[in-house]
Amino acid sequence: MIGAATTVIALLLTAEFGSETVEVRDRGSVDLTSYECRDTPRSTLIQRACYDPAQASMIVSVKGAYFQYCDLPPATFAGLMAAPSMGQFFKRNFAGGADSRYGCRFGPAPNK
């Protein structure tokens, strides 16, 4: 037991820390340093959702492809995370991509 705990601690201490970058469809490379990301194992449509409250920006992995949504209130992100069906919530609120209510329309992807 002590040996296993020591191994886990050693792995954590030697793990490389750095920023994560993902390729977002129609936006290019986006650094996730300022985003809080959550894996979503209970959804078959959405694998991961990342939110940056300072930029009101969400990046979500839908069936393996990343998409970005802008001007997204924190309550909408919280609603997605708490929805009984994340897929239905997503389809209802984000359908249409760049043409949707939260579509990122102008300029490069926001980064800090």
Protein backbone atom coordinates (compact mmCIF):
# COMPACT_ATOMS: atom_id res chain seq x y z
CA MET A 1 0.00 0.00 0.00
CA ILE A 2 2.79 2.43 0.91
CA GLY A 3 4.70 1.47 -2.23
CA ALA A 4 1.68 2.23 -4.44
CA ALA A 5 1.13 5.59 -2.75
CA THR A 6 4.80 6.45 -3.18
CA THR A 7 4.61 5.59 -6.87
CA VAL A 8 1.55 7.78 -7.39
CA ILE A 9 3.20 10.71 -5.59
CA ALA A 10 6.38 10.27 -7.63
CA LEU A 11 4.36 10.29 -10.87
CA LEU A 12 2.55 13.45 -9.84
CA LEU A 13 5.77 15.22 -8.91
CA THR A 14 7.49 14.29 -12.17
CA ALA A 15 4.49 14.94 -14.44
CA GLU A 16 5.04 17.66 -16.99
CA PHE A 17 2.83 20.67 -16.39
CA GLY A 18 2.07 23.03 -19.20
CA SER A 19 -0.67 24.58 -21.17
CA GLU A 20 -2.98 22.46 -23.25
CA THR A 21 -3.90 23.50 -26.77
CA VAL A 22 -6.76 22.07 -28.83
CA GLU A 23 -7.72 22.48 -32.47
CA VAL A 24 -11.11 24.16 -32.59
CA ARG A 25 -13.17 23.77 -35.73
CA ASP A 26 -13.22 26.95 -37.84
CA ARG A 27 -11.04 28.74 -35.24
CA GLY A 28 -7.64 27.02 -35.21
CA SER A 29 -5.46 26.35 -32.21
CA VAL A 30 -6.76 27.57 -28.82
CA ASP A 31 -4.80 27.54 -25.56
CA LEU A 32 -6.93 26.22 -22.69
CA THR A 33 -4.83 27.77 -19.89
CA SER A 34 -7.60 30.17 -18.86
CA TYR A 35 -10.38 27.58 -19.20
CA GLU A 36 -11.80 25.27 -16.56
CA CYS A 37 -12.30 21.92 -18.30
CA ARG A 38 -14.52 19.04 -17.24
CA ASP A 39 -14.77 15.59 -18.75
CA THR A 40 -18.38 14.54 -19.25
CA PRO A 41 -18.53 10.73 -19.05
CA ARG A 42 -22.31 10.69 -18.60
CA SER A 43 -22.89 12.13 -22.08
CA THR A 44 -22.58 10.16 -25.30
CA LEU A 45 -22.53 13.36 -27.40
CA ILE A 46 -20.23 15.64 -25.38
CA GLN A 47 -16.90 14.29 -24.15
CA ARG A 48 -15.53 17.47 -22.59
CA ALA A 49 -16.59 21.02 -21.84
CA CYS A 50 -14.27 23.93 -21.01
CA TYR A 51 -15.39 27.38 -19.84
CA ASP A 52 -13.58 30.68 -19.33
CA PRO A 53 -15.83 33.03 -17.32
CA ALA A 54 -13.59 36.06 -17.92
CA GLN A 55 -14.07 35.71 -21.67
CA ALA A 56 -17.55 34.14 -21.45
CA SER A 57 -16.25 31.49 -23.83
CA MET A 58 -16.94 27.75 -23.95
CA ILE A 59 -15.04 25.11 -25.88
CA VAL A 60 -16.76 21.77 -26.13
CA SER A 61 -15.74 18.43 -27.62
CA VAL A 62 -18.65 16.97 -29.54
CA LYS A 63 -17.99 13.47 -30.87
CA GLY A 64 -14.25 14.22 -30.89
CA ALA A 65 -14.34 17.63 -32.61
CA TYR A 66 -13.87 20.86 -30.63
CA PHE A 67 -16.22 23.82 -31.13
CA GLN A 68 -16.14 27.26 -29.51
CA TYR A 69 -19.06 29.38 -28.31
CA CYS A 70 -18.82 33.03 -27.27
CA ASP A 71 -20.76 35.48 -25.09
CA LEU A 72 -21.96 32.53 -23.04
CA PRO A 73 -23.29 33.42 -19.57
CA PRO A 74 -21.99 31.30 -16.67
CA ALA A 75 -25.58 30.19 -15.95
CA THR A 76 -25.85 28.64 -19.42
CA PHE A 77 -22.63 26.67 -18.90
CA ALA A 78 -23.87 25.57 -15.47
CA GLY A 79 -27.16 24.54 -17.08
CA LEU A 80 -25.32 22.36 -19.59
CA MET A 81 -23.28 20.70 -16.84
CA ALA A 82 -26.38 20.03 -14.70
CA ALA A 83 -28.80 19.04 -17.48
CA PRO A 84 -30.36 15.58 -17.17
CA SER A 85 -29.47 15.12 -20.85
CA MET A 86 -26.42 17.17 -21.84
CA GLY A 87 -26.93 16.19 -25.48
CA GLN A 88 -30.51 17.47 -25.58
CA PHE A 89 -29.53 20.68 -23.77
CA PHE A 90 -26.66 21.19 -26.20
CA LYS A 91 -28.79 20.59 -29.28
CA ARG A 92 -31.52 22.91 -27.99
CA ASN A 93 -29.18 25.77 -27.05
CA PHE A 94 -26.21 25.49 -29.41
CA ALA A 95 -27.55 24.07 -32.67
CA GLY A 96 -26.36 26.00 -35.69
CA GLY A 97 -22.66 26.41 -34.83
CA ALA A 98 -21.41 29.87 -35.86
CA ASP A 99 -24.97 30.89 -36.69
CA SER A 100 -26.30 29.96 -33.26
CA ARG A 101 -27.02 32.43 -30.49
CA TYR A 102 -23.56 31.84 -28.99
CA GLY A 103 -21.63 31.41 -32.23
CA CYS A 104 -18.25 33.14 -32.39
CA ARG A 105 -18.60 35.37 -35.41
CA PHE A 106 -15.65 37.72 -35.66
CA GLY A 107 -11.88 37.65 -35.40
CA PRO A 108 -9.52 35.00 -34.08
CA ALA A 109 -10.30 32.76 -31.17
CA PRO A 110 -10.02 34.65 -27.87
CA ASN A 111 -6.84 33.81 -25.95
CA LYS A 112 -5.10 35.36 -22.99
